[in-house]
Amino acid sequence: MAAALPDMGKLLACAVEVASALAYLHARGILHGDLTCNNVLLLEDVDDSRGFTTKVRGIIQGRADCSESQHVHHAALMCRNFFF
C-alpha cells in the first residue's frame, strides 16, 4: 500500500508562517542564527482550519547591523528565548 501524500496546502501555510516570523526578525535587524526543525513548533489552534499554527522558537543571536564589538554587546542583551 502506498503512503499517503502530505497535504501541500498545509505544508505551504507552515512555510509561510516560518518565513513571516523570520521576516519580522530581519526587519528589525535581528538574526535567528539557529533555525532547525527543532525550533519550528506546531501548536494547537482551534481557530485555524488545520487545527494548528506554526511558531518559530529559538535564541536571538544578535543584530545584523552591528560591528564585532557591538554584536557581542547586543548578543548579551538580546540572548533570550523568543517565540513568534
C-alpha atoms as a PDB file:
ATOM      1  CA  MET A   1       0.000   0.000   0.000  1.00  0.00           C
ATOM      2  CA  ALA A   2       1.386   3.406  -0.991  1.00  0.00           C
ATOM      3  CA  ALA A   3       1.903   6.049   1.673  1.00  0.00           C
ATOM      4  CA  ALA A   4      -0.474   8.998   1.627  1.00  0.00           C
ATOM      5  CA  LEU A   5       0.944  12.186   0.172  1.00  0.00           C
ATOM      6  CA  PRO A   6       1.239  15.158   2.540  1.00  0.00           C
ATOM      7  CA  ASP A   7      -1.275  17.975   2.254  1.00  0.00           C
ATOM      8  CA  MET A   8       0.740  20.514   0.257  1.00  0.00           C
ATOM      9  CA  GLY A   9      -1.580  23.369   1.239  1.00  0.00           C
ATOM     10  CA  LYS A  10      -0.859  22.750   4.932  1.00  0.00           C
ATOM     11  CA  LEU A  11       2.876  22.483   4.254  1.00  0.00           C
ATOM     12  CA  LEU A  12       2.868  25.736   2.296  1.00  0.00           C
ATOM     13  CA  ALA A  13       0.962  27.510   5.091  1.00  0.00           C
ATOM     14  CA  CYS A  14       3.601  26.307   7.582  1.00  0.00           C
ATOM     15  CA  ALA A  15       6.413  27.555   5.339  1.00  0.00           C
ATOM     16  CA  VAL A  16       4.719  30.956   5.022  1.00  0.00           C
ATOM     17  CA  GLU A  17       4.368  31.223   8.818  1.00  0.00           C
ATOM     18  CA  VAL A  18       8.063  30.395   9.320  1.00  0.00           C
ATOM     19  CA  ALA A  19       9.066  32.895   6.624  1.00  0.00           C
ATOM     20  CA  SER A  20       6.845  35.548   8.210  1.00  0.00           C
ATOM     21  CA  ALA A  21       8.471  35.049  11.617  1.00  0.00           C
ATOM     22  CA  LEU A  22      11.942  35.392  10.083  1.00  0.00           C
ATOM     23  CA  ALA A  23      10.881  38.448   8.076  1.00  0.00           C
ATOM     24  CA  TYR A  24       9.628  40.031  11.300  1.00  0.00           C
ATOM     25  CA  LEU A  25      13.013  39.478  12.950  1.00  0.00           C
ATOM     26  CA  HIS A  26      15.050  40.530   9.900  1.00  0.00           C
ATOM     27  CA  ALA A  27      13.030  43.739   9.509  1.00  0.00           C
ATOM     28  CA  ARG A  28      14.300  44.653  12.966  1.00  0.00           C
ATOM     29  CA  GLY A  29      17.882  43.701  12.107  1.00  0.00           C
ATOM     30  CA  ILE A  30      17.760  40.574  14.277  1.00  0.00           C
ATOM     31  CA  LEU A  31      19.240  37.243  13.203  1.00  0.00           C
ATOM     32  CA  HIS A  32      17.806  33.945  14.395  1.00  0.00           C
ATOM     33  CA  GLY A  33      21.046  32.057  13.839  1.00  0.00           C
ATOM     34  CA  ASP A  34      19.752  28.545  14.556  1.00  0.00           C
ATOM     35  CA  LEU A  35      16.668  27.741  12.511  1.00  0.00           C
ATOM     36  CA  THR A  36      16.235  23.968  12.611  1.00  0.00           C
ATOM     37  CA  CYS A  37      13.253  21.634  12.700  1.00  0.00           C
ATOM     38  CA  ASN A  38      13.668  21.602  16.498  1.00  0.00           C
ATOM     39  CA  ASN A  39      12.784  25.323  16.565  1.00  0.00           C
ATOM     40  CA  VAL A  40       9.640  25.069  14.430  1.00  0.00           C
ATOM     41  CA  LEU A  41       6.675  24.133  16.596  1.00  0.00           C
ATOM     42  CA  LEU A  42       3.132  23.162  15.670  1.00  0.00           C
ATOM     43  CA  LEU A  43       0.751  24.427  18.338  1.00  0.00           C
ATOM     44  CA  GLU A  44      -2.900  23.519  18.627  1.00  0.00           C
ATOM     45  CA  ASP A  45      -5.144  26.292  17.313  1.00  0.00           C
ATOM     46  CA  VAL A  46      -8.870  25.601  17.096  1.00  0.00           C
ATOM     47  CA  ASP A  47      -9.356  28.821  15.083  1.00  0.00           C
ATOM     48  CA  ASP A  48      -7.060  27.593  12.283  1.00  0.00           C
ATOM     49  CA  SER A  49      -8.612  25.247   9.702  1.00  0.00           C
ATOM     50  CA  ARG A  50      -5.558  22.994  10.028  1.00  0.00           C
ATOM     51  CA  GLY A  51      -6.107  22.652  13.771  1.00  0.00           C
ATOM     52  CA  PHE A  52      -2.657  24.073  14.499  1.00  0.00           C
ATOM     53  CA  THR A  53      -0.444  27.073  13.859  1.00  0.00           C
ATOM     54  CA  THR A  54       3.289  27.185  13.213  1.00  0.00           C
ATOM     55  CA  LYS A  55       5.581  29.077  15.595  1.00  0.00           C
ATOM     56  CA  VAL A  56       9.332  29.693  15.480  1.00  0.00           C
ATOM     57  CA  ARG A  57      11.231  29.419  18.746  1.00  0.00           C
ATOM     58  CA  GLY A  58      14.877  29.976  19.478  1.00  0.00           C
ATOM     59  CA  ILE A  59      17.596  32.160  20.882  1.00  0.00           C
ATOM     60  CA  ILE A  60      18.173  35.593  19.409  1.00  0.00           C
ATOM     61  CA  GLN A  61      21.802  35.705  18.299  1.00  0.00           C
ATOM     62  CA  GLY A  62      22.198  39.454  17.851  1.00  0.00           C
ATOM     63  CA  ARG A  63      21.696  42.200  15.346  1.00  0.00           C
ATOM     64  CA  ALA A  64      22.735  42.050  11.712  1.00  0.00           C
ATOM     65  CA  ASP A  65      23.817  45.718  11.619  1.00  0.00           C
ATOM     66  CA  CYS A  66      26.389  45.546  14.437  1.00  0.00           C
ATOM     67  CA  SER A  67      30.147  45.613  14.376  1.00  0.00           C
ATOM     68  CA  GLU A  68      32.001  42.737  16.054  1.00  0.00           C
ATOM     69  CA  SER A  69      32.229  44.524  19.427  1.00  0.00           C
ATOM     70  CA  GLN A  70      28.645  45.760  19.188  1.00  0.00           C
ATOM     71  CA  HIS A  71      27.491  42.270  18.234  1.00  0.00           C
ATOM     72  CA  VAL A  72      28.896  40.839  21.465  1.00  0.00           C
ATOM     73  CA  HIS A  73      27.151  43.577  23.449  1.00  0.00           C
ATOM     74  CA  HIS A  74      23.820  43.152  21.635  1.00  0.00           C
ATOM     75  CA  ALA A  75      24.016  39.373  21.827  1.00  0.00           C
ATOM     76  CA  ALA A  76      24.464  39.608  25.585  1.00  0.00           C
ATOM     77  CA  LEU A  77      21.483  41.941  25.864  1.00  0.00           C
ATOM     78  CA  MET A  78      19.288  40.011  23.457  1.00  0.00           C
ATOM     79  CA  CYS A  79      20.224  36.418  24.223  1.00  0.00           C
ATOM     80  CA  ARG A  80      16.828  35.287  25.394  1.00  0.00           C
ATOM     81  CA  ASN A  81      14.178  32.870  24.237  1.00  0.00           C
ATOM     82  CA  PHE A  82      11.623  34.222  21.819  1.00  0.00           C
ATOM     83  CA  PHE A  83       8.519  32.747  20.364  1.00  0.00           C
ATOM     84  CA  PHE A  84       6.836  34.064  17.167  1.00  0.00           C
END
